[in-house]
Amino acid sequence: DHTIISERLKQAIQKEGLTGMEIKPFDKFEV
């Protein structure tokens, strides 16, 4: 049960200084 975000969204979250969540890398996968 994971929510995956794009690198672009991760950078925007960090730039705006949003808190209250944990962002960590996810291994590559194929669907």
PDB file of all heavy atoms in Angstrom:
ATOM      1  N   ASP A   1       0.844  -1.197   0.000  1.00  0.00           N
ATOM      2  CA  ASP A   1       0.000   0.000   0.000  1.00  0.00           C
ATOM      3  C   ASP A   1       0.876   1.243   0.000  1.00  0.00           C
ATOM      4  O   ASP A   1       1.242   1.758   1.052  1.00  0.00           O
ATOM      5  CB  ASP A   1      -0.927  -0.018   1.221  1.00  0.00           C
ATOM      6  CG  ASP A   1      -1.958   1.076   1.173  1.00  0.00           C
ATOM      7  OD1 ASP A   1      -2.296   1.525   0.062  1.00  0.00           O
ATOM      8  OD2 ASP A   1      -2.421   1.489   2.243  1.00  0.00           O
ATOM      9  N   HIS A   2       1.249   1.702  -1.195  1.00  0.00           N
ATOM     10  CA  HIS A   2       2.157   2.835  -1.330  1.00  0.00           C
ATOM     11  C   HIS A   2       1.550   3.909  -2.217  1.00  0.00           C
ATOM     12  O   HIS A   2       0.847   3.618  -3.176  1.00  0.00           O
ATOM     13  CB  HIS A   2       3.485   2.408  -1.959  1.00  0.00           C
ATOM     14  CG  HIS A   2       4.208   1.375  -1.175  1.00  0.00           C
ATOM     15  ND1 HIS A   2       4.888   1.659  -0.014  1.00  0.00           N
ATOM     16  CD2 HIS A   2       4.356   0.046  -1.374  1.00  0.00           C
ATOM     17  CE1 HIS A   2       5.425   0.552   0.462  1.00  0.00           C
ATOM     18  NE2 HIS A   2       5.114  -0.442  -0.355  1.00  0.00           N
ATOM     19  N   THR A   3       1.840   5.150  -1.907  1.00  0.00           N
ATOM     20  CA  THR A   3       1.529   6.263  -2.790  1.00  0.00           C
ATOM     21  C   THR A   3       2.839   6.716  -3.399  1.00  0.00           C
ATOM     22  O   THR A   3       3.788   7.033  -2.684  1.00  0.00           O
ATOM     23  CB  THR A   3       0.872   7.424  -2.013  1.00  0.00           C
ATOM     24  OG1 THR A   3      -0.328   6.941  -1.406  1.00  0.00           O
ATOM     25  CG2 THR A   3       0.554   8.581  -2.934  1.00  0.00           C
ATOM     26  N   ILE A   4       2.914   6.713  -4.706  1.00  0.00           N
ATOM     27  CA  ILE A   4       4.133   7.069  -5.426  1.00  0.00           C
ATOM     28  C   ILE A   4       3.961   8.494  -5.965  1.00  0.00           C
ATOM     29  O   ILE A   4       2.915   8.829  -6.518  1.00  0.00           O
ATOM     30  CB  ILE A   4       4.373   6.100  -6.609  1.00  0.00           C
ATOM     31  CG1 ILE A   4       4.294   4.639  -6.162  1.00  0.00           C
ATOM     32  CG2 ILE A   4       5.679   6.413  -7.314  1.00  0.00           C
ATOM     33  CD1 ILE A   4       5.380   4.192  -5.225  1.00  0.00           C
ATOM     34  N   ILE A   5       4.989   9.320  -5.793  1.00  0.00           N
ATOM     35  CA  ILE A   5       4.945  10.683  -6.332  1.00  0.00           C
ATOM     36  C   ILE A   5       6.100  10.871  -7.308  1.00  0.00           C
ATOM     37  O   ILE A   5       7.118  10.189  -7.233  1.00  0.00           O
ATOM     38  CB  ILE A   5       4.993  11.757  -5.222  1.00  0.00           C
ATOM     39  CG1 ILE A   5       6.307  11.711  -4.450  1.00  0.00           C
ATOM     40  CG2 ILE A   5       3.802  11.619  -4.281  1.00  0.00           C
ATOM     41  CD1 ILE A   5       6.487  12.867  -3.456  1.00  0.00           C
ATOM     42  N   SER A   6       5.931  11.800  -8.211  1.00  0.00           N
ATOM     43  CA  SER A   6       6.968  12.086  -9.199  1.00  0.00           C
ATOM     44  C   SER A   6       8.102  12.878  -8.552  1.00  0.00           C
ATOM     45  O   SER A   6       7.941  13.498  -7.499  1.00  0.00           O
ATOM     46  CB  SER A   6       6.381  12.893 -10.358  1.00  0.00           C
ATOM     47  OG  SER A   6       6.002  14.180  -9.910  1.00  0.00           O
ATOM     48  N   GLU A   7       9.235  12.853  -9.203  1.00  0.00           N
ATOM     49  CA  GLU A   7      10.372  13.648  -8.745  1.00  0.00           C
ATOM     50  C   GLU A   7      10.001  15.129  -8.758  1.00  0.00           C
ATOM     51  O   GLU A   7      10.363  15.884  -7.865  1.00  0.00           O
ATOM     52  CB  GLU A   7      11.591  13.390  -9.641  1.00  0.00           C
ATOM     53  CG  GLU A   7      12.833  14.144  -9.230  1.00  0.00           C
ATOM     54  CD  GLU A   7      13.421  13.705  -7.897  1.00  0.00           C
ATOM     55  OE1 GLU A   7      13.188  12.558  -7.470  1.00  0.00           O
ATOM     56  OE2 GLU A   7      14.123  14.527  -7.275  1.00  0.00           O
ATOM     57  N   ARG A   8       9.259  15.545  -9.770  1.00  0.00           N
ATOM     58  CA  ARG A   8       8.824  16.936  -9.883  1.00  0.00           C
ATOM     59  C   ARG A   8       7.961  17.340  -8.689  1.00  0.00           C
ATOM     60  O   ARG A   8       8.159  18.408  -8.110  1.00  0.00           O
ATOM     61  CB  ARG A   8       8.063  17.127 -11.187  1.00  0.00           C
ATOM     62  CG  ARG A   8       7.612  18.538 -11.432  1.00  0.00           C
ATOM     63  CD  ARG A   8       7.001  18.702 -12.793  1.00  0.00           C
ATOM     64  NE  ARG A   8       5.805  17.867 -12.901  1.00  0.00           N
ATOM     65  CZ  ARG A   8       5.189  17.589 -14.036  1.00  0.00           C
ATOM     66  NH1 ARG A   8       5.649  18.052 -15.165  1.00  0.00           N
ATOM     67  NH2 ARG A   8       4.119  16.841 -14.048  1.00  0.00           N
ATOM     68  N   LEU A   9       7.027  16.481  -8.273  1.00  0.00           N
ATOM     69  CA  LEU A   9       6.183  16.784  -7.117  1.00  0.00           C
ATOM     70  C   LEU A   9       7.009  16.784  -5.830  1.00  0.00           C
ATOM     71  O   LEU A   9       6.833  17.645  -4.976  1.00  0.00           O
ATOM     72  CB  LEU A   9       5.033  15.790  -7.016  1.00  0.00           C
ATOM     73  CG  LEU A   9       4.080  15.996  -5.846  1.00  0.00           C
ATOM     74  CD1 LEU A   9       3.484  17.397  -5.839  1.00  0.00           C
ATOM     75  CD2 LEU A   9       2.978  14.936  -5.875  1.00  0.00           C
ATOM     76  N   LYS A  10       7.936  15.841  -5.709  1.00  0.00           N
ATOM     77  CA  LYS A  10       8.804  15.801  -4.521  1.00  0.00           C
ATOM     78  C   LYS A  10       9.581  17.109  -4.373  1.00  0.00           C
ATOM     79  O   LYS A  10       9.651  17.690  -3.287  1.00  0.00           O
ATOM     80  CB  LYS A  10       9.781  14.630  -4.611  1.00  0.00           C
ATOM     81  CG  LYS A  10      10.697  14.527  -3.394  1.00  0.00           C
ATOM     82  CD  LYS A  10      11.766  13.496  -3.610  1.00  0.00           C
ATOM     83  CE  LYS A  10      13.017  14.215  -3.966  1.00  0.00           C
ATOM     84  NZ  LYS A  10      14.236  13.483  -3.967  1.00  0.00           N
ATOM     85  N   GLN A  11      10.136  17.596  -5.469  1.00  0.00           N
ATOM     86  CA  GLN A  11      10.904  18.843  -5.425  1.00  0.00           C
ATOM     87  C   GLN A  11      10.019  20.029  -5.055  1.00  0.00           C
ATOM     88  O   GLN A  11      10.441  20.906  -4.296  1.00  0.00           O
ATOM     89  CB  GLN A  11      11.600  19.073  -6.754  1.00  0.00           C
ATOM     90  CG  GLN A  11      12.722  18.088  -6.992  1.00  0.00           C
ATOM     91  CD  GLN A  11      13.332  18.197  -8.374  1.00  0.00           C
ATOM     92  OE1 GLN A  11      12.939  19.035  -9.189  1.00  0.00           O
ATOM     93  NE2 GLN A  11      14.291  17.333  -8.655  1.00  0.00           N
ATOM     94  N   ALA A  12       8.788  20.065  -5.566  1.00  0.00           N
ATOM     95  CA  ALA A  12       7.865  21.156  -5.241  1.00  0.00           C
ATOM     96  C   ALA A  12       7.492  21.131  -3.764  1.00  0.00           C
ATOM     97  O   ALA A  12       7.432  22.175  -3.110  1.00  0.00           O
ATOM     98  CB  ALA A  12       6.611  21.061  -6.106  1.00  0.00           C
ATOM     99  N   ILE A  13       7.265  19.940  -3.215  1.00  0.00           N
ATOM    100  CA  ILE A  13       6.943  19.801  -1.791  1.00  0.00           C
ATOM    101  C   ILE A  13       8.102  20.316  -0.939  1.00  0.00           C
ATOM    102  O   ILE A  13       7.904  21.064   0.014  1.00  0.00           O
ATOM    103  CB  ILE A  13       6.623  18.330  -1.451  1.00  0.00           C
ATOM    104  CG1 ILE A  13       5.265  17.946  -2.050  1.00  0.00           C
ATOM    105  CG2 ILE A  13       6.646  18.079   0.059  1.00  0.00           C
ATOM    106  CD1 ILE A  13       4.955  16.463  -1.983  1.00  0.00           C
ATOM    107  N   GLN A  14       9.310  19.909  -1.292  1.00  0.00           N
ATOM    108  CA  GLN A  14      10.482  20.339  -0.535  1.00  0.00           C
ATOM    109  C   GLN A  14      10.710  21.845  -0.670  1.00  0.00           C
ATOM    110  O   GLN A  14      11.040  22.512   0.312  1.00  0.00           O
ATOM    111  CB  GLN A  14      11.709  19.553  -0.989  1.00  0.00           C
ATOM    112  CG  GLN A  14      11.625  18.095  -0.593  1.00  0.00           C
ATOM    113  CD  GLN A  14      12.741  17.245  -1.173  1.00  0.00           C
ATOM    114  OE1 GLN A  14      13.280  17.536  -2.239  1.00  0.00           O
ATOM    115  NE2 GLN A  14      13.069  16.168  -0.484  1.00  0.00           N
ATOM    116  N   LYS A  15      10.532  22.385  -1.868  1.00  0.00           N
ATOM    117  CA  LYS A  15      10.733  23.818  -2.096  1.00  0.00           C
ATOM    118  C   LYS A  15       9.759  24.648  -1.261  1.00  0.00           C
ATOM    119  O   LYS A  15      10.134  25.687  -0.702  1.00  0.00           O
ATOM    120  CB  LYS A  15      10.549  24.137  -3.578  1.00  0.00           C
ATOM    121  CG  LYS A  15      10.721  25.595  -3.910  1.00  0.00           C
ATOM    122  CD  LYS A  15      10.515  25.843  -5.389  1.00  0.00           C
ATOM    123  CE  LYS A  15      10.621  27.327  -5.680  1.00  0.00           C
ATOM    124  NZ  LYS A  15      10.311  27.622  -7.077  1.00  0.00           N
ATOM    125  N   GLU A  16       8.520  24.190  -1.142  1.00  0.00           N
ATOM    126  CA  GLU A  16       7.502  24.922  -0.377  1.00  0.00           C
ATOM    127  C   GLU A  16       7.614  24.690   1.122  1.00  0.00           C
ATOM    128  O   GLU A  16       6.937  25.350   1.902  1.00  0.00           O
ATOM    129  CB  GLU A  16       6.104  24.533  -0.857  1.00  0.00           C
ATOM    130  CG  GLU A  16       5.809  24.958  -2.278  1.00  0.00           C
ATOM    131  CD  GLU A  16       5.886  26.454  -2.483  1.00  0.00           C
ATOM    132  OE1 GLU A  16       5.459  27.221  -1.591  1.00  0.00           O
ATOM    133  OE2 GLU A  16       6.383  26.876  -3.549  1.00  0.00           O
ATOM    134  N   GLY A  17       8.467  23.747   1.535  1.00  0.00           N
ATOM    135  CA  GLY A  17       8.680  23.494   2.959  1.00  0.00           C
ATOM    136  C   GLY A  17       7.523  22.779   3.645  1.00  0.00           C
ATOM    137  O   GLY A  17       7.334  22.934   4.853  1.00  0.00           O
ATOM    138  N   LEU A  18       6.749  22.003   2.873  1.00  0.00           N
ATOM    139  CA  LEU A  18       5.633  21.267   3.468  1.00  0.00           C
ATOM    140  C   LEU A  18       6.158  20.190   4.419  1.00  0.00           C
ATOM    141  O   LEU A  18       7.184  19.562   4.159  1.00  0.00           O
ATOM    142  CB  LEU A  18       4.774  20.631   2.381  1.00  0.00           C
ATOM    143  CG  LEU A  18       4.108  21.602   1.414  1.00  0.00           C
ATOM    144  CD1 LEU A  18       3.377  20.854   0.330  1.00  0.00           C
ATOM    145  CD2 LEU A  18       3.168  22.534   2.147  1.00  0.00           C
ATOM    146  N   THR A  19       5.459  19.981   5.518  1.00  0.00           N
ATOM    147  CA  THR A  19       5.861  18.989   6.508  1.00  0.00           C
ATOM    148  C   THR A  19       4.689  18.055   6.805  1.00  0.00           C
ATOM    149  O   THR A  19       3.597  18.227   6.282  1.00  0.00           O
ATOM    150  CB  THR A  19       6.316  19.667   7.807  1.00  0.00           C
ATOM    151  OG1 THR A  19       5.220  20.420   8.337  1.00  0.00           O
ATOM    152  CG2 THR A  19       7.507  20.585   7.570  1.00  0.00           C
ATOM    153  N   GLY A  20       4.934  17.069   7.671  1.00  0.00           N
ATOM    154  CA  GLY A  20       3.884  16.153   8.084  1.00  0.00           C
ATOM    155  C   GLY A  20       3.822  14.897   7.248  1.00  0.00           C
ATOM    156  O   GLY A  20       2.845  14.162   7.285  1.00  0.00           O
ATOM    157  N   MET A  21       4.876  14.635   6.475  1.00  0.00           N
ATOM    158  CA  MET A  21       4.919  13.434   5.650  1.00  0.00           C
ATOM    159  C   MET A  21       6.359  12.950   5.564  1.00  0.00           C
ATOM    160  O   MET A  21       7.291  13.698   5.839  1.00  0.00           O
ATOM    161  CB  MET A  21       4.384  13.706   4.252  1.00  0.00           C
ATOM    162  CG  MET A  21       5.252  14.649   3.446  1.00  0.00           C
ATOM    163  SD  MET A  21       4.485  15.320   2.001  1.00  0.00           S
ATOM    164  CE  MET A  21       3.653  16.721   2.726  1.00  0.00           C
ATOM    165  N   GLU A  22       6.503  11.713   5.210  1.00  0.00           N
ATOM    166  CA  GLU A  22       7.837  11.140   5.002  1.00  0.00           C
ATOM    167  C   GLU A  22       7.964  10.793   3.530  1.00  0.00           C
ATOM    168  O   GLU A  22       7.120  10.099   2.971  1.00  0.00           O
ATOM    169  CB  GLU A  22       8.024   9.886   5.846  1.00  0.00           C
ATOM    170  CG  GLU A  22       9.363   9.231   5.665  1.00  0.00           C
ATOM    171  CD  GLU A  22       9.517   7.959   6.472  1.00  0.00           C
ATOM    172  OE1 GLU A  22       8.506   7.444   7.001  1.00  0.00           O
ATOM    173  OE2 GLU A  22      10.649   7.462   6.560  1.00  0.00           O
ATOM    174  N   ILE A  23       8.999  11.300   2.903  1.00  0.00           N
ATOM    175  CA  ILE A  23       9.275  10.980   1.501  1.00  0.00           C
ATOM    176  C   ILE A  23      10.547  10.160   1.468  1.00  0.00           C
ATOM    177  O   ILE A  23      11.583  10.585   1.981  1.00  0.00           O
ATOM    178  CB  ILE A  23       9.446  12.263   0.657  1.00  0.00           C
ATOM    179  CG1 ILE A  23       8.166  13.083   0.679  1.00  0.00           C
ATOM    180  CG2 ILE A  23       9.842  11.901  -0.779  1.00  0.00           C
ATOM    181  CD1 ILE A  23       8.279  14.431  -0.034  1.00  0.00           C
ATOM    182  N   LYS A  24      10.442   8.971   0.871  1.00  0.00           N
ATOM    183  CA  LYS A  24      11.634   8.139   0.758  1.00  0.00           C
ATOM    184  C   LYS A  24      11.666   7.468  -0.609  1.00  0.00           C
ATOM    185  O   LYS A  24      10.614   7.277  -1.228  1.00  0.00           O
ATOM    186  CB  LYS A  24      11.702   7.116   1.882  1.00  0.00           C
ATOM    187  CG  LYS A  24      10.509   6.226   2.036  1.00  0.00           C
ATOM    188  CD  LYS A  24      10.658   5.362   3.279  1.00  0.00           C
ATOM    189  CE  LYS A  24       9.409   4.530   3.486  1.00  0.00           C
ATOM    190  NZ  LYS A  24       9.519   3.686   4.654  1.00  0.00           N
ATOM    191  N   PRO A  25      12.852   7.126  -1.097  1.00  0.00           N
ATOM    192  CA  PRO A  25      12.983   6.516  -2.431  1.00  0.00           C
ATOM    193  C   PRO A  25      12.271   5.173  -2.496  1.00  0.00           C
ATOM    194  O   PRO A  25      12.140   4.465  -1.498  1.00  0.00           O
ATOM    195  CB  PRO A  25      14.488   6.326  -2.602  1.00  0.00           C
ATOM    196  CG  PRO A  25      15.137   7.094  -1.520  1.00  0.00           C
ATOM    197  CD  PRO A  25      14.131   7.303  -0.449  1.00  0.00           C
ATOM    198  N   PHE A  26      11.831   4.834  -3.690  1.00  0.00           N
ATOM    199  CA  PHE A  26      11.176   3.554  -3.942  1.00  0.00           C
ATOM    200  C   PHE A  26      11.965   2.843  -5.025  1.00  0.00           C
ATOM    201  O   PHE A  26      12.371   3.467  -6.015  1.00  0.00           O
ATOM    202  CB  PHE A  26       9.734   3.802  -4.403  1.00  0.00           C
ATOM    203  CG  PHE A  26       8.851   2.601  -4.277  1.00  0.00           C
ATOM    204  CD1 PHE A  26       8.245   2.310  -3.071  1.00  0.00           C
ATOM    205  CD2 PHE A  26       8.618   1.773  -5.352  1.00  0.00           C
ATOM    206  CE1 PHE A  26       7.419   1.209  -2.940  1.00  0.00           C
ATOM    207  CE2 PHE A  26       7.802   0.672  -5.235  1.00  0.00           C
ATOM    208  CZ  PHE A  26       7.196   0.381  -4.023  1.00  0.00           C
ATOM    209  N   ASP A  27      12.212   1.555  -4.850  1.00  0.00           N
ATOM    210  CA  ASP A  27      12.957   0.784  -5.853  1.00  0.00           C
ATOM    211  C   ASP A  27      12.254   0.810  -7.194  1.00  0.00           C
ATOM    212  O   ASP A  27      11.033   0.895  -7.268  1.00  0.00           O
ATOM    213  CB  ASP A  27      13.137  -0.664  -5.409  1.00  0.00           C
ATOM    214  CG  ASP A  27      14.063  -0.800  -4.206  1.00  0.00           C
ATOM    215  OD1 ASP A  27      14.947   0.060  -4.051  1.00  0.00           O
ATOM    216  OD2 ASP A  27      13.898  -1.760  -3.444  1.00  0.00           O
ATOM    217  N   LYS A  28      13.022   0.698  -8.258  1.00  0.00           N
ATOM    218  CA  LYS A  28      12.442   0.638  -9.600  1.00  0.00           C
ATOM    219  C   LYS A  28      11.583  -0.616  -9.721  1.00  0.00           C
ATOM    220  O   LYS A  28      11.878  -1.647  -9.121  1.00  0.00           O
ATOM    221  CB  LYS A  28      13.541   0.593 -10.657  1.00  0.00           C
ATOM    222  CG  LYS A  28      14.271   1.897 -10.797  1.00  0.00           C
ATOM    223  CD  LYS A  28      15.267   1.815 -11.927  1.00  0.00           C
ATOM    224  CE  LYS A  28      15.968   3.148 -12.100  1.00  0.00           C
ATOM    225  NZ  LYS A  28      16.883   3.126 -13.215  1.00  0.00           N
ATOM    226  N   PHE A  29      10.525  -0.526 -10.521  1.00  0.00           N
ATOM    227  CA  PHE A  29       9.636  -1.658 -10.739  1.00  0.00           C
ATOM    228  C   PHE A  29       8.991  -1.529 -12.106  1.00  0.00           C
ATOM    229  O   PHE A  29       9.022  -0.464 -12.714  1.00  0.00           O
ATOM    230  CB  PHE A  29       8.558  -1.715  -9.649  1.00  0.00           C
ATOM    231  CG  PHE A  29       7.675  -0.500  -9.586  1.00  0.00           C
ATOM    232  CD1 PHE A  29       6.503  -0.442 -10.317  1.00  0.00           C
ATOM    233  CD2 PHE A  29       8.029   0.584  -8.806  1.00  0.00           C
ATOM    234  CE1 PHE A  29       5.695   0.675 -10.259  1.00  0.00           C
ATOM    235  CE2 PHE A  29       7.224   1.718  -8.744  1.00  0.00           C
ATOM    236  CZ  PHE A  29       6.053   1.762  -9.468  1.00  0.00           C
ATOM    237  N   GLU A  30       8.441  -2.634 -12.585  1.00  0.00           N
ATOM    238  CA  GLU A  30       7.728  -2.642 -13.863  1.00  0.00           C
ATOM    239  C   GLU A  30       6.314  -3.129 -13.619  1.00  0.00           C
ATOM    240  O   GLU A  30       6.094  -4.014 -12.815  1.00  0.00           O
ATOM    241  CB  GLU A  30       8.410  -3.555 -14.874  1.00  0.00           C
ATOM    242  CG  GLU A  30       9.706  -2.999 -15.402  1.00  0.00           C
ATOM    243  CD  GLU A  30      10.254  -3.832 -16.539  1.00  0.00           C
ATOM    244  OE1 GLU A  30       9.463  -4.445 -17.285  1.00  0.00           O
ATOM    245  OE2 GLU A  30      11.482  -3.890 -16.661  1.00  0.00           O
ATOM    246  N   VAL A  31       5.373  -2.535 -14.325  1.00  0.00           N
ATOM    247  CA  VAL A  31       3.977  -2.928 -14.227  1.00  0.00           C
ATOM    248  C   VAL A  31       3.521  -3.385 -15.599  1.00  0.00           C
ATOM    249  O   VAL A  31       3.792  -2.734 -16.604  1.00  0.00           O
ATOM    250  CB  VAL A  31       3.109  -1.746 -13.751  1.00  0.00           C
ATOM    251  CG1 VAL A  31       1.646  -2.113 -13.748  1.00  0.00           C
ATOM    252  CG2 VAL A  31       3.556  -1.275 -12.373  1.00  0.00           C
TER     253      VAL A  31
END
